[in-house]
N, C-alpha and C. Protein backbone atom coordinates (compact mmCIF):
# COMPACT_ATOMS: atom_id res chain seq x y z
N MET A 1 8.32 31.51 -89.04
CA MET A 1 7.16 30.07 -88.47
C MET A 1 5.98 30.86 -89.21
N THR A 2 5.28 31.58 -89.11
CA THR A 2 4.26 31.69 -89.75
C THR A 2 4.23 31.18 -91.34
N VAL A 3 5.20 31.34 -91.96
CA VAL A 3 5.11 30.96 -93.04
C VAL A 3 5.02 29.53 -93.47
N ALA A 4 5.94 28.85 -92.12
CA ALA A 4 5.96 27.64 -92.22
C ALA A 4 4.62 26.89 -91.81
N THR A 5 3.69 27.28 -90.98
CA THR A 5 2.52 27.00 -90.63
C THR A 5 1.62 27.22 -92.21
N ASP A 6 1.23 28.38 -92.61
CA ASP A 6 0.99 28.45 -93.63
C ASP A 6 0.98 27.18 -94.77
N LEU A 7 2.27 27.21 -94.97
CA LEU A 7 2.47 25.92 -95.98
C LEU A 7 2.10 24.96 -95.58
N MET A 8 2.44 24.39 -94.42
CA MET A 8 1.24 23.08 -94.13
C MET A 8 0.27 22.77 -94.08
N ASN A 9 -0.53 24.41 -93.71
CA ASN A 9 -2.02 24.52 -93.43
C ASN A 9 -2.34 23.80 -95.32
N ARG A 10 -1.63 24.04 -96.14
CA ARG A 10 -2.10 24.70 -97.54
C ARG A 10 -1.70 23.58 -98.44
N THR A 11 -0.84 22.67 -97.69
CA THR A 11 -0.42 21.34 -97.83
C THR A 11 -1.69 20.23 -97.34
N ASP A 12 -1.90 20.26 -96.42
CA ASP A 12 -3.08 19.90 -95.78
C ASP A 12 -4.75 20.28 -96.63
N ARG A 13 -4.67 21.51 -96.76
CA ARG A 13 -6.05 22.17 -97.30
C ARG A 13 -5.95 20.95 -98.84
N LEU A 14 -4.82 21.36 -99.86
CA LEU A 14 -5.10 20.42 -100.82
C LEU A 14 -4.83 18.59 -100.97
N LEU A 15 -4.85 18.52 -100.08
CA LEU A 15 -5.00 16.96 -99.66
C LEU A 15 -6.46 16.69 -99.63
N GLY A 16 -7.05 17.41 -98.71
CA GLY A 16 -8.24 17.39 -98.43
C GLY A 16 -9.18 17.97 -99.31
N VAL A 17 -8.66 18.51 -100.26
CA VAL A 17 -9.33 19.46 -101.82
C VAL A 17 -9.51 17.87 -102.83
N LEU A 18 -8.48 17.17 -102.66
CA LEU A 18 -8.15 16.00 -103.51
C LEU A 18 -9.11 14.98 -103.07
N LEU A 19 -9.39 14.72 -101.58
CA LEU A 19 -9.79 13.67 -101.22
C LEU A 19 -11.35 14.20 -101.23
N GLU A 20 -12.05 15.05 -101.13
CA GLU A 20 -13.30 15.69 -101.02
C GLU A 20 -13.79 15.38 -102.55
N LEU A 21 -13.20 15.74 -103.77
CA LEU A 21 -13.29 15.31 -104.90
C LEU A 21 -13.45 14.19 -105.70
N GLN A 22 -12.30 13.52 -104.75
CA GLN A 22 -12.36 11.89 -105.04
C GLN A 22 -14.02 10.98 -104.02
N SER A 23 -14.22 11.76 -103.71
CA SER A 23 -15.77 11.34 -102.71
C SER A 23 -16.53 11.38 -103.48
N ARG A 24 -16.88 12.65 -104.42
CA ARG A 24 -18.25 12.91 -104.65
C ARG A 24 -18.16 12.82 -106.19
N ARG A 25 -19.19 13.11 -107.11
CA ARG A 25 -19.48 12.86 -108.32
C ARG A 25 -18.68 14.52 -109.05
N ALA A 26 -19.14 15.50 -107.94
CA ALA A 26 -18.89 16.75 -108.41
C ALA A 26 -18.83 17.72 -107.40
N ALA A 27 -18.14 18.59 -107.47
CA ALA A 27 -18.58 19.89 -105.84
C ALA A 27 -17.81 21.33 -106.52
N ARG A 28 -18.98 22.33 -106.34
CA ARG A 28 -18.71 23.14 -106.76
C ARG A 28 -17.66 24.00 -105.77
N ALA A 29 -16.86 25.18 -106.30
CA ALA A 29 -16.27 26.20 -105.32
C ALA A 29 -16.90 26.27 -104.21
N GLU A 30 -17.74 27.08 -104.06
CA GLU A 30 -18.28 27.84 -103.49
C GLU A 30 -18.78 26.42 -101.79
N ASP A 31 -19.16 25.57 -102.52
CA ASP A 31 -18.85 24.31 -101.21
C ASP A 31 -17.97 23.88 -100.80
N LEU A 32 -16.81 23.74 -101.53
CA LEU A 32 -15.12 23.55 -100.86
C LEU A 32 -14.59 24.19 -100.25
N ALA A 33 -15.23 25.83 -100.69
CA ALA A 33 -14.93 27.00 -100.04
C ALA A 33 -15.68 27.41 -98.67
N GLU A 34 -16.69 26.49 -98.72
CA GLU A 34 -17.52 26.65 -97.12
C GLU A 34 -16.90 25.44 -96.41
N HIS A 35 -16.65 24.62 -96.90
CA HIS A 35 -16.44 23.02 -96.20
C HIS A 35 -14.98 23.39 -95.20
N PHE A 36 -13.42 24.13 -96.60
CA PHE A 36 -12.36 24.05 -95.49
C PHE A 36 -12.42 25.45 -94.91
N GLU A 37 -13.31 26.60 -94.95
CA GLU A 37 -13.66 27.98 -94.31
C GLU A 37 -12.43 28.28 -94.70
N THR A 38 -12.67 28.87 -96.47
CA THR A 38 -11.84 29.67 -97.02
C THR A 38 -12.33 30.60 -98.29
N SER A 39 -11.98 30.83 -99.19
CA SER A 39 -12.37 32.04 -100.03
C SER A 39 -12.12 31.06 -101.64
N LYS A 40 -13.36 31.13 -102.35
CA LYS A 40 -13.49 31.08 -103.50
C LYS A 40 -12.27 30.87 -104.14
N ARG A 41 -11.26 31.91 -104.34
CA ARG A 41 -10.48 32.61 -105.22
C ARG A 41 -9.11 31.72 -104.79
N THR A 42 -9.64 31.33 -102.77
CA THR A 42 -8.29 30.22 -102.83
C THR A 42 -7.97 29.29 -103.39
N ILE A 43 -10.09 28.44 -103.33
CA ILE A 43 -10.00 27.35 -104.02
C ILE A 43 -9.16 27.07 -105.18
N TYR A 44 -9.73 28.06 -106.11
CA TYR A 44 -9.38 28.37 -107.73
C TYR A 44 -7.90 28.15 -107.53
N ARG A 45 -7.17 28.20 -106.70
CA ARG A 45 -5.77 28.39 -106.86
C ARG A 45 -5.34 26.98 -106.51
N ASP A 46 -6.11 26.53 -105.39
CA ASP A 46 -5.74 24.92 -105.21
C ASP A 46 -5.97 23.97 -106.16
N ILE A 47 -6.96 24.29 -107.18
CA ILE A 47 -7.45 23.33 -108.25
C ILE A 47 -6.58 23.62 -109.22
N GLN A 48 -5.85 24.89 -109.41
CA GLN A 48 -4.71 25.25 -110.12
C GLN A 48 -3.78 23.94 -110.23
N ALA A 49 -3.59 24.63 -108.37
CA ALA A 49 -1.91 23.66 -107.78
C ALA A 49 -2.04 22.17 -108.27
N LEU A 50 -3.21 21.80 -108.06
CA LEU A 50 -3.41 20.55 -108.12
C LEU A 50 -3.00 19.78 -110.11
N CYS A 51 -3.76 20.84 -110.40
CA CYS A 51 -3.62 20.25 -112.38
C CYS A 51 -2.63 20.17 -112.24
N GLU A 52 -1.71 21.16 -111.67
CA GLU A 52 -0.08 21.42 -112.21
C GLU A 52 0.82 20.37 -111.75
N THR A 53 0.37 19.67 -110.68
CA THR A 53 0.63 18.38 -110.40
C THR A 53 0.67 16.74 -111.00
N GLY A 54 -0.26 17.24 -112.17
CA GLY A 54 -0.32 16.11 -112.90
C GLY A 54 -2.11 15.38 -112.26
N VAL A 55 -2.97 15.89 -111.29
CA VAL A 55 -4.24 15.07 -111.57
C VAL A 55 -5.11 15.95 -111.98
N PRO A 56 -6.05 14.87 -112.71
CA PRO A 56 -7.15 15.51 -113.86
C PRO A 56 -8.05 15.96 -113.58
N ILE A 57 -8.23 17.31 -113.11
CA ILE A 57 -9.62 17.43 -112.68
C ILE A 57 -10.06 18.20 -113.99
N VAL A 58 -11.42 17.82 -113.86
CA VAL A 58 -12.67 18.07 -114.77
C VAL A 58 -13.66 19.51 -114.39
N ALA A 59 -13.46 20.51 -115.20
CA ALA A 59 -14.66 21.74 -114.35
C ALA A 59 -15.56 21.51 -115.50
N GLN A 60 -16.94 21.46 -114.89
CA GLN A 60 -18.16 21.66 -115.76
C GLN A 60 -18.99 23.14 -115.16
N PRO A 61 -19.60 24.10 -115.89
CA PRO A 61 -19.94 25.20 -115.68
C PRO A 61 -21.23 24.41 -115.05
N GLY A 62 -21.76 25.34 -113.80
CA GLY A 62 -22.99 25.20 -113.32
C GLY A 62 -22.75 23.65 -112.53
N VAL A 63 -21.70 22.60 -112.71
CA VAL A 63 -21.98 21.38 -112.09
C VAL A 63 -20.74 21.33 -111.00
N GLY A 64 -19.34 21.48 -111.23
CA GLY A 64 -18.43 22.31 -110.43
C GLY A 64 -17.47 21.38 -111.14
N TYR A 65 -16.39 21.00 -110.44
CA TYR A 65 -15.42 20.03 -109.94
C TYR A 65 -15.62 18.77 -110.13
N SER A 66 -14.72 17.63 -110.81
CA SER A 66 -14.54 16.49 -110.39
C SER A 66 -13.53 15.99 -111.00
N ILE A 67 -12.91 14.70 -110.48
CA ILE A 67 -11.63 14.08 -111.21
C ILE A 67 -12.45 13.31 -111.96
N MET A 68 -11.08 12.87 -112.98
CA MET A 68 -11.73 12.13 -114.46
C MET A 68 -11.70 10.67 -113.51
N ASP A 69 -12.21 9.73 -114.39
CA ASP A 69 -12.35 8.76 -113.62
C ASP A 69 -11.58 7.58 -113.99
N GLY A 70 -11.08 6.37 -112.90
CA GLY A 70 -9.63 5.86 -113.20
C GLY A 70 -8.44 6.44 -112.31
N TYR A 71 -9.01 7.45 -111.96
CA TYR A 71 -7.61 8.58 -111.15
C TYR A 71 -7.73 8.10 -109.40
N PHE A 72 -6.45 7.13 -108.91
CA PHE A 72 -6.26 7.36 -107.56
C PHE A 72 -5.48 7.98 -106.80
N LEU A 73 -5.26 7.87 -106.04
CA LEU A 73 -3.88 8.69 -105.26
C LEU A 73 -3.21 7.24 -105.24
N PRO A 74 -1.97 7.85 -105.06
CA PRO A 74 -0.88 7.36 -104.92
C PRO A 74 -0.81 6.20 -103.51
N PRO A 75 -0.07 5.36 -102.89
CA PRO A 75 0.23 5.08 -101.60
C PRO A 75 0.47 5.86 -100.84
N VAL A 76 -0.63 6.00 -99.00
CA VAL A 76 -0.42 6.62 -98.46
C VAL A 76 0.30 6.36 -97.07
N SER A 77 1.15 7.27 -96.54
CA SER A 77 1.44 6.84 -95.65
C SER A 77 0.34 6.98 -93.81
N PHE A 78 0.47 5.55 -92.89
CA PHE A 78 -0.33 5.64 -91.95
C PHE A 78 0.44 5.68 -90.53
N THR A 79 0.25 6.50 -89.78
CA THR A 79 1.14 6.46 -88.36
C THR A 79 0.87 5.38 -87.94
N THR A 80 1.05 5.38 -86.42
CA THR A 80 0.59 3.64 -86.02
C THR A 80 -0.45 3.45 -85.72
N ASP A 81 -1.31 4.76 -85.15
CA ASP A 81 -2.42 4.46 -84.20
C ASP A 81 -3.45 4.50 -85.69
N GLU A 82 -3.10 5.19 -86.77
CA GLU A 82 -4.10 5.14 -87.93
C GLU A 82 -4.66 3.74 -88.40
N ALA A 83 -3.12 2.88 -89.01
CA ALA A 83 -2.84 1.56 -89.15
C ALA A 83 -3.28 0.28 -88.23
N THR A 84 -3.16 0.58 -86.87
CA THR A 84 -4.46 0.04 -85.60
C THR A 84 -5.46 -0.06 -85.93
N MET A 85 -6.35 1.12 -86.13
CA MET A 85 -7.32 1.50 -86.11
C MET A 85 -8.34 0.73 -87.02
N LEU A 86 -7.28 0.98 -88.52
CA LEU A 86 -7.75 0.31 -89.84
C LEU A 86 -7.81 -1.36 -89.45
N VAL A 87 -6.92 -1.49 -89.07
CA VAL A 87 -6.75 -3.31 -88.94
C VAL A 87 -7.82 -4.05 -88.15
N LEU A 88 -8.02 -2.77 -86.89
CA LEU A 88 -9.14 -3.75 -85.43
C LEU A 88 -10.03 -3.54 -86.29
N GLY A 89 -10.26 -2.15 -87.40
CA GLY A 89 -11.80 -2.35 -88.22
C GLY A 89 -11.97 -3.09 -89.02
N ALA A 90 -10.87 -3.68 -89.54
CA ALA A 90 -11.00 -5.18 -90.51
C ALA A 90 -11.16 -6.15 -89.54
N GLU A 91 -10.65 -6.85 -88.60
CA GLU A 91 -10.94 -7.74 -87.81
C GLU A 91 -12.13 -8.05 -87.27
N PHE A 92 -12.88 -6.68 -86.80
CA PHE A 92 -14.05 -6.51 -86.10
C PHE A 92 -15.32 -6.86 -87.63
N VAL A 93 -15.04 -6.47 -88.30
CA VAL A 93 -15.76 -6.42 -89.69
C VAL A 93 -15.60 -7.88 -90.16
N ALA A 94 -14.53 -8.39 -89.86
CA ALA A 94 -14.44 -10.04 -90.40
C ALA A 94 -15.34 -10.77 -89.56
N GLY A 95 -15.74 -10.21 -88.15
CA GLY A 95 -16.08 -11.49 -87.23
C GLY A 95 -17.46 -10.91 -86.94
N ASN A 96 -18.04 -10.03 -87.94
CA ASN A 96 -19.42 -9.51 -87.82
C ASN A 96 -20.52 -9.23 -89.45
N PHE A 97 -19.73 -9.81 -90.47
CA PHE A 97 -20.63 -9.91 -91.76
C PHE A 97 -20.26 -11.10 -92.21
N ASP A 98 -20.98 -11.31 -93.25
CA ASP A 98 -21.09 -12.60 -93.94
C ASP A 98 -20.06 -13.46 -95.07
N ALA A 99 -19.71 -13.95 -95.63
CA ALA A 99 -18.23 -14.37 -96.22
C ALA A 99 -17.81 -13.71 -97.11
N GLN A 100 -18.66 -12.68 -97.99
CA GLN A 100 -17.74 -12.07 -98.75
C GLN A 100 -17.46 -10.92 -98.33
N TYR A 101 -17.62 -10.02 -97.15
CA TYR A 101 -17.31 -8.55 -96.67
C TYR A 101 -16.09 -9.41 -95.45
N ARG A 102 -16.82 -10.62 -94.91
CA ARG A 102 -15.15 -11.32 -94.62
C ARG A 102 -14.26 -11.21 -95.27
N ALA A 103 -14.26 -11.73 -96.54
CA ALA A 103 -12.92 -11.88 -97.15
C ALA A 103 -12.12 -10.81 -97.92
N ALA A 104 -13.10 -9.51 -97.80
CA ALA A 104 -12.85 -8.29 -98.43
C ALA A 104 -12.53 -7.54 -97.05
N ALA A 105 -12.68 -7.79 -96.07
CA ALA A 105 -11.44 -7.17 -94.94
C ALA A 105 -10.40 -8.13 -94.54
N ARG A 106 -10.48 -9.26 -94.31
CA ARG A 106 -9.01 -9.84 -94.79
C ARG A 106 -8.01 -9.31 -96.12
N THR A 107 -8.58 -8.99 -97.34
CA THR A 107 -7.96 -8.44 -98.11
C THR A 107 -7.13 -7.01 -98.01
N ALA A 108 -8.34 -6.38 -97.50
CA ALA A 108 -8.02 -5.13 -97.23
C ALA A 108 -6.81 -4.96 -95.87
N ARG A 109 -7.28 -5.85 -94.89
CA ARG A 109 -5.77 -5.86 -93.70
C ARG A 109 -4.98 -5.83 -94.65
N SER A 110 -4.19 -6.97 -95.67
CA SER A 110 -3.32 -7.79 -95.67
C SER A 110 -2.72 -6.17 -96.42
N LYS A 111 -3.80 -5.63 -97.66
CA LYS A 111 -3.09 -4.60 -98.18
C LYS A 111 -2.01 -3.24 -97.16
N ILE A 112 -3.75 -3.37 -96.40
CA ILE A 112 -2.88 -2.09 -95.11
C ILE A 112 -1.50 -2.49 -95.20
N GLU A 113 -1.12 -3.76 -94.27
CA GLU A 113 -0.20 -4.36 -93.61
C GLU A 113 1.06 -3.76 -94.76
N ALA A 114 0.60 -4.62 -95.40
CA ALA A 114 1.78 -4.38 -97.05
C ALA A 114 2.75 -2.87 -97.10
N VAL A 115 1.75 -1.96 -97.19
CA VAL A 115 2.33 -0.68 -97.01
C VAL A 115 2.42 0.06 -96.02
N LEU A 116 2.63 -0.99 -94.64
CA LEU A 116 3.25 -0.32 -93.77
C LEU A 116 4.55 -0.17 -93.49
N ARG A 117 5.25 0.82 -93.11
CA ARG A 117 6.70 0.90 -92.95
C ARG A 117 7.02 -0.21 -91.93
N PRO A 118 8.24 -1.14 -91.53
CA PRO A 118 8.79 -2.25 -91.03
C PRO A 118 8.33 -1.91 -89.29
N GLN A 119 8.96 -0.79 -89.13
CA GLN A 119 8.79 -0.64 -87.42
C GLN A 119 7.38 -0.19 -87.33
N THR A 120 6.44 0.11 -88.46
CA THR A 120 5.08 0.64 -87.98
C THR A 120 4.30 -0.54 -87.85
N ARG A 121 4.56 -1.76 -88.93
CA ARG A 121 4.15 -2.80 -88.89
C ARG A 121 4.30 -3.70 -87.33
N ALA A 122 5.67 -3.40 -87.17
CA ALA A 122 5.99 -4.09 -85.88
C ALA A 122 5.07 -3.62 -84.75
N ASP A 123 5.45 -2.06 -84.47
CA ASP A 123 4.34 -1.49 -83.61
C ASP A 123 2.92 -1.90 -83.10
N VAL A 124 2.10 -2.33 -84.50
CA VAL A 124 0.78 -2.43 -84.79
C VAL A 124 0.28 -4.08 -84.59
N ARG A 125 1.49 -5.22 -84.84
CA ARG A 125 1.14 -6.19 -84.28
C ARG A 125 1.01 -6.52 -82.77
N ALA A 126 2.43 -5.62 -82.33
CA ALA A 126 2.37 -5.65 -81.00
C ALA A 126 1.03 -5.05 -80.54
N PHE A 127 0.40 -4.05 -80.92
CA PHE A 127 -0.71 -3.64 -80.00
C PHE A 127 -1.89 -4.68 -80.42
N GLN A 128 -1.72 -5.10 -81.27
CA GLN A 128 -2.82 -6.44 -81.42
C GLN A 128 -2.68 -7.62 -80.53
N GLU A 129 -1.80 -7.85 -79.79
CA GLU A 129 -1.25 -9.06 -79.32
C GLU A 129 -1.96 -8.45 -77.99
N ARG A 130 -1.72 -7.34 -77.50
CA ARG A 130 -2.18 -7.28 -76.30
C ARG A 130 -3.91 -5.96 -76.12
N ILE A 131 -4.15 -6.16 -77.23
CA ILE A 131 -5.77 -5.61 -77.45
C ILE A 131 -6.57 -5.91 -78.37
N SER A 132 -7.61 -6.49 -78.48
CA SER A 132 -8.50 -7.84 -78.96
C SER A 132 -10.31 -7.13 -79.27
N LEU A 133 -11.32 -6.86 -80.33
CA LEU A 133 -11.72 -6.61 -80.31
C LEU A 133 -12.81 -8.38 -80.77
N MET A 134 -13.55 -8.23 -79.43
CA MET A 134 -14.45 -9.80 -79.43
C MET A 134 -15.85 -9.45 -79.51
N VAL A 135 -16.50 -10.25 -80.35
CA VAL A 135 -17.27 -10.41 -80.96
C VAL A 135 -18.70 -11.29 -79.46
N ALA A 136 -19.97 -10.98 -79.35
CA ALA A 136 -20.11 -11.77 -78.30
C ALA A 136 -20.36 -13.49 -78.87
N ALA A 137 -20.37 -13.50 -80.11
CA ALA A 137 -20.57 -15.04 -80.69
C ALA A 137 -20.74 -14.79 -82.27
N PRO A 138 -19.97 -15.81 -82.73
CA PRO A 138 -20.07 -15.83 -83.89
C PRO A 138 -21.20 -15.79 -84.90
N LEU A 139 -21.39 -15.32 -85.98
CA LEU A 139 -23.10 -14.91 -86.49
C LEU A 139 -23.30 -16.93 -86.84
N SER A 140 -24.44 -17.10 -86.70
CA SER A 140 -25.19 -18.50 -86.94
C SER A 140 -24.97 -18.42 -88.81
N SER A 141 -24.80 -19.94 -88.84
CA SER A 141 -25.24 -20.06 -90.58
C SER A 141 -26.19 -18.98 -91.21
N LYS A 142 -27.07 -20.03 -90.58
CA LYS A 142 -28.78 -18.63 -91.17
C LYS A 142 -28.56 -17.22 -91.46
N THR A 143 -27.74 -16.40 -90.23
CA THR A 143 -27.60 -15.52 -90.24
C THR A 143 -26.94 -14.89 -91.26
N ARG A 144 -25.55 -15.61 -91.76
CA ARG A 144 -24.68 -15.73 -92.64
C ARG A 144 -25.25 -15.85 -94.12
N ASP A 145 -26.53 -16.48 -94.30
CA ASP A 145 -27.22 -16.66 -95.17
C ASP A 145 -27.92 -15.54 -95.78
N PHE A 146 -29.00 -14.93 -95.04
CA PHE A 146 -29.36 -14.10 -95.35
C PHE A 146 -29.12 -12.39 -94.91
N LEU A 147 -27.96 -12.26 -94.67
CA LEU A 147 -27.66 -11.06 -93.78
C LEU A 147 -27.06 -10.52 -95.44
N PRO A 148 -26.49 -10.95 -96.55
CA PRO A 148 -26.41 -10.11 -98.01
C PRO A 148 -27.40 -9.90 -98.21
N LEU A 149 -28.52 -10.63 -98.32
CA LEU A 149 -29.89 -9.83 -98.97
C LEU A 149 -30.44 -9.09 -98.34
N LEU A 150 -30.44 -8.55 -97.20
CA LEU A 150 -31.08 -7.56 -96.69
C LEU A 150 -29.98 -6.22 -96.80
N ARG A 151 -28.65 -6.53 -97.15
CA ARG A 151 -27.79 -5.67 -97.63
C ARG A 151 -28.46 -5.12 -98.40
N ARG A 152 -28.11 -6.08 -99.68
CA ARG A 152 -28.48 -5.65 -101.32
C ARG A 152 -29.62 -4.94 -101.14
N ALA A 153 -31.20 -5.03 -99.85
CA ALA A 153 -32.24 -4.24 -100.13
C ALA A 153 -32.26 -3.32 -99.35
N VAL A 154 -31.30 -2.81 -98.62
CA VAL A 154 -30.93 -1.35 -97.94
C VAL A 154 -30.30 -0.36 -99.41
N LEU A 155 -29.29 -1.45 -99.91
CA LEU A 155 -28.39 -0.33 -100.98
C LEU A 155 -29.61 -0.17 -102.04
N GLU A 156 -30.10 -0.74 -102.54
CA GLU A 156 -31.13 -1.02 -103.70
C GLU A 156 -32.70 -0.50 -103.38
N ARG A 157 -32.54 -0.25 -102.05
CA ARG A 157 -33.68 0.13 -101.51
C ARG A 157 -35.42 -0.34 -102.07
N LYS A 158 -34.95 -1.68 -101.92
CA LYS A 158 -36.14 -2.65 -102.46
C LYS A 158 -36.75 -3.13 -101.17
N ARG A 159 -38.11 -3.39 -101.60
CA ARG A 159 -38.92 -3.96 -99.84
C ARG A 159 -38.70 -4.94 -100.18
N LEU A 160 -38.99 -5.25 -98.65
CA LEU A 160 -38.83 -6.95 -98.65
C LEU A 160 -40.12 -6.87 -97.91
N ARG A 161 -40.17 -8.40 -97.93
CA ARG A 161 -41.65 -9.16 -97.30
C ARG A 161 -40.64 -10.17 -96.04
N LEU A 162 -41.57 -10.19 -95.13
CA LEU A 162 -40.52 -10.34 -93.68
C LEU A 162 -41.63 -11.45 -92.82
N LEU A 163 -40.71 -12.34 -92.26
CA LEU A 163 -41.96 -13.56 -91.88
C LEU A 163 -41.35 -12.37 -90.29
N TYR A 164 -42.38 -12.09 -89.57
CA TYR A 164 -42.00 -11.12 -88.09
C TYR A 164 -42.69 -12.29 -87.18
N ARG A 165 -41.70 -12.37 -85.95
CA ARG A 165 -41.69 -13.31 -84.83
C ARG A 165 -42.17 -11.93 -83.77
N THR A 166 -43.09 -11.93 -83.02
CA THR A 166 -43.24 -11.09 -81.96
C THR A 166 -43.72 -12.16 -80.66
N ARG A 167 -42.94 -12.04 -79.30
CA ARG A 167 -43.11 -12.09 -78.49
C ARG A 167 -43.78 -11.36 -77.09
N HIS A 168 -44.38 -11.98 -76.57
CA HIS A 168 -45.07 -11.61 -75.50
C HIS A 168 -45.39 -12.45 -74.31
N ALA A 169 -46.33 -12.14 -73.44
CA ALA A 169 -46.61 -12.95 -72.27
C ALA A 169 -47.53 -13.97 -72.79
N ALA A 170 -48.33 -13.60 -73.99
CA ALA A 170 -49.28 -14.62 -74.16
C ALA A 170 -48.71 -15.38 -75.09
N HIS A 171 -47.98 -14.57 -75.56
CA HIS A 171 -47.16 -15.80 -76.51
C HIS A 171 -46.07 -16.19 -76.36
N PRO A 172 -45.37 -16.60 -75.39
CA PRO A 172 -43.97 -16.51 -75.19
C PRO A 172 -42.67 -17.67 -76.05
N SER A 173 -43.54 -18.29 -76.89
CA SER A 173 -43.16 -19.02 -78.29
C SER A 173 -42.79 -18.62 -79.12
N GLY A 174 -43.86 -17.20 -79.37
CA GLY A 174 -43.54 -16.35 -80.20
C GLY A 174 -44.78 -16.36 -81.45
N GLU A 175 -45.44 -15.40 -81.94
CA GLU A 175 -46.43 -15.17 -82.74
C GLU A 175 -45.86 -14.64 -84.42
N GLU A 176 -45.91 -15.47 -85.31
CA GLU A 176 -45.35 -15.29 -86.53
C GLU A 176 -46.85 -14.40 -87.31
N ASN A 177 -46.05 -13.65 -88.17
CA ASN A 177 -46.81 -12.81 -89.23
C ASN A 177 -45.67 -12.28 -90.04
N TRP A 178 -46.79 -12.30 -91.66
CA TRP A 178 -45.70 -11.35 -92.60
C TRP A 178 -45.96 -10.28 -92.87
N ARG A 179 -44.83 -9.68 -93.10
CA ARG A 179 -44.80 -8.29 -92.85
C ARG A 179 -44.28 -8.02 -94.52
N GLU A 180 -44.78 -6.21 -94.66
CA GLU A 180 -43.54 -5.40 -96.06
C GLU A 180 -42.98 -4.54 -95.43
N ALA A 181 -41.66 -4.16 -95.71
CA ALA A 181 -41.21 -3.06 -95.19
C ALA A 181 -40.10 -2.53 -96.09
N ASP A 182 -40.07 -1.44 -96.01
CA ASP A 182 -39.00 -0.59 -96.62
C ASP A 182 -37.87 -0.21 -95.94
N PRO A 183 -36.75 -1.59 -96.13
CA PRO A 183 -35.12 -1.07 -95.58
C PRO A 183 -35.06 0.29 -95.83
N TYR A 184 -34.48 0.67 -94.21
CA TYR A 184 -33.50 1.78 -94.41
C TYR A 184 -32.05 1.91 -93.90
N ALA A 185 -32.21 0.87 -93.14
CA ALA A 185 -30.86 0.40 -92.19
C ALA A 185 -30.12 -0.87 -91.62
N LEU A 186 -29.20 -1.24 -91.76
CA LEU A 186 -28.92 -2.27 -90.97
C LEU A 186 -27.71 -1.79 -89.96
N VAL A 187 -28.17 -2.43 -88.38
CA VAL A 187 -27.06 -1.90 -86.97
C VAL A 187 -26.69 -2.94 -86.42
N ASN A 188 -25.47 -2.88 -86.56
CA ASN A 188 -25.07 -3.93 -85.34
C ASN A 188 -24.79 -3.52 -84.15
N TRP A 189 -25.34 -4.22 -83.08
CA TRP A 189 -25.94 -4.13 -81.95
C TRP A 189 -25.06 -5.04 -80.92
N GLY A 190 -24.00 -4.92 -80.06
CA GLY A 190 -23.98 -6.08 -79.24
C GLY A 190 -23.66 -7.28 -80.13
N GLY A 191 -23.14 -7.18 -81.22
CA GLY A 191 -23.13 -8.57 -81.84
C GLY A 191 -24.36 -8.88 -82.68
N LEU A 192 -25.38 -8.30 -82.64
CA LEU A 192 -26.64 -8.96 -82.90
C LEU A 192 -26.87 -7.46 -84.47
N TRP A 193 -27.90 -8.03 -85.57
CA TRP A 193 -27.70 -7.33 -86.73
C TRP A 193 -29.62 -7.10 -86.50
N TYR A 194 -29.58 -6.00 -86.50
CA TYR A 194 -31.18 -5.46 -86.64
C TYR A 194 -31.30 -4.46 -87.79
N LEU A 195 -32.66 -4.57 -88.51
CA LEU A 195 -33.21 -4.41 -89.41
C LEU A 195 -33.96 -3.23 -89.26
N ILE A 196 -33.71 -1.52 -89.60
CA ILE A 196 -34.70 -0.21 -89.24
C ILE A 196 -35.06 0.21 -90.64
N GLY A 197 -36.61 -0.13 -90.58
CA GLY A 197 -37.37 0.04 -91.84
C GLY A 197 -39.06 0.51 -91.79
N TYR A 198 -39.02 1.09 -93.07
CA TYR A 198 -40.97 1.19 -92.59
C TYR A 198 -42.05 0.04 -92.98
N CYS A 199 -42.33 0.04 -91.71
CA CYS A 199 -43.32 -1.09 -91.63
C CYS A 199 -44.65 -0.79 -92.02
N HIS A 200 -44.95 -1.48 -93.26
CA HIS A 200 -46.61 -1.02 -93.75
C HIS A 200 -47.77 -1.73 -93.22
N LEU A 201 -47.41 -2.52 -92.10
CA LEU A 201 -48.26 -2.85 -91.62
C LEU A 201 -48.66 -1.88 -90.36
N ARG A 202 -47.75 -1.63 -89.73
CA ARG A 202 -48.01 -0.53 -88.70
C ARG A 202 -48.00 0.49 -89.13
N ARG A 203 -47.45 0.99 -90.35
CA ARG A 203 -47.67 2.28 -90.80
C ARG A 203 -46.56 3.20 -90.22
N ALA A 204 -45.53 2.85 -89.79
CA ALA A 204 -44.51 3.49 -89.29
C ALA A 204 -43.19 2.81 -88.91
N ILE A 205 -42.10 3.72 -88.87
CA ILE A 205 -40.69 3.20 -88.91
C ILE A 205 -40.53 2.32 -87.67
N ARG A 206 -39.86 0.63 -87.90
CA ARG A 206 -40.12 -0.19 -86.24
C ARG A 206 -38.71 -0.86 -86.96
N ASN A 207 -37.78 -1.18 -85.90
CA ASN A 207 -36.68 -1.91 -85.74
C ASN A 207 -36.83 -3.36 -85.81
N CYS A 208 -36.54 -4.11 -86.01
CA CYS A 208 -36.24 -5.91 -85.61
C CYS A 208 -35.11 -6.46 -85.61
N ARG A 209 -35.08 -7.43 -84.71
CA ARG A 209 -33.61 -7.96 -84.80
C ARG A 209 -33.86 -9.08 -86.04
N THR A 210 -32.49 -9.39 -86.82
CA THR A 210 -32.49 -10.40 -87.76
C THR A 210 -31.30 -11.37 -87.74
N SER A 211 -30.54 -10.77 -86.46
CA SER A 211 -29.96 -11.89 -86.16
C SER A 211 -30.60 -13.54 -85.76
N ILE A 212 -30.20 -14.63 -85.99
CA ILE A 212 -30.29 -15.91 -85.51
C ILE A 212 -29.06 -16.34 -84.76
N ARG A 213 -29.37 -16.71 -83.37
CA ARG A 213 -28.36 -17.50 -82.79
C ARG A 213 -28.71 -19.19 -83.14
C-alpha cells in the first residue's frame, strides 16, 4: 500500500512540475523543491524522468529549467466537477465581458465539451439545466465598447485620462472633472465593472465604477 501511494504521489508531482514549467519562463530546482516540499535531488530526478518521456526541458545555469516554445500538454481528462466549473465559468465570462472575450469563452466551452467522455458530457449538461449563473443585467453597449480599452490599459500599464463623475447631495445629477489615473486592476462586482488605480489628482489609490447601465 505504501509503495502504491508513493508512486501516485510521484505521478502527481511530475504533472505538477510540468504544469509549473509551462506556466513560467523558467524555474530553479530550489524553487520547485520548496513549492512541492521535497528535496532538490528529487526534483533533479523528476526533471530527468520528464525528459525521458519526451518533454523538451532546457536547463540554463543560473536561470533554471524551462520548456521549449511550442510544446503543449496532450489533452487531459476532466472529472464531472472540474468540467462543470469550467463550463459555468465560461458562461459567466460570456455574460460579463465584451465581444472579444465573450467569443473566446464560447469557443473554450466548445473545446472543453468536445474532449469530455460521453457520460461526463451528459452529467455536465444535466447540471447546467438545473444550476445557472445569472448576471444582474447585460452590459450596455457603451460598456462593451470601452471595456477592451480599459483592459488593454491595465495589461499594458498605460495611463488613462478619465471623465470622472462625482455624485453627492449638492450635485445629485453629478459633478464632472477630468482625471489621470494609472490603472492597476479591473474588478467585476455584482455585474458591474470597477477600475482600481492611482489617481494623480487625489494622489492616492482610488476605485471607480466604469459600467454604464
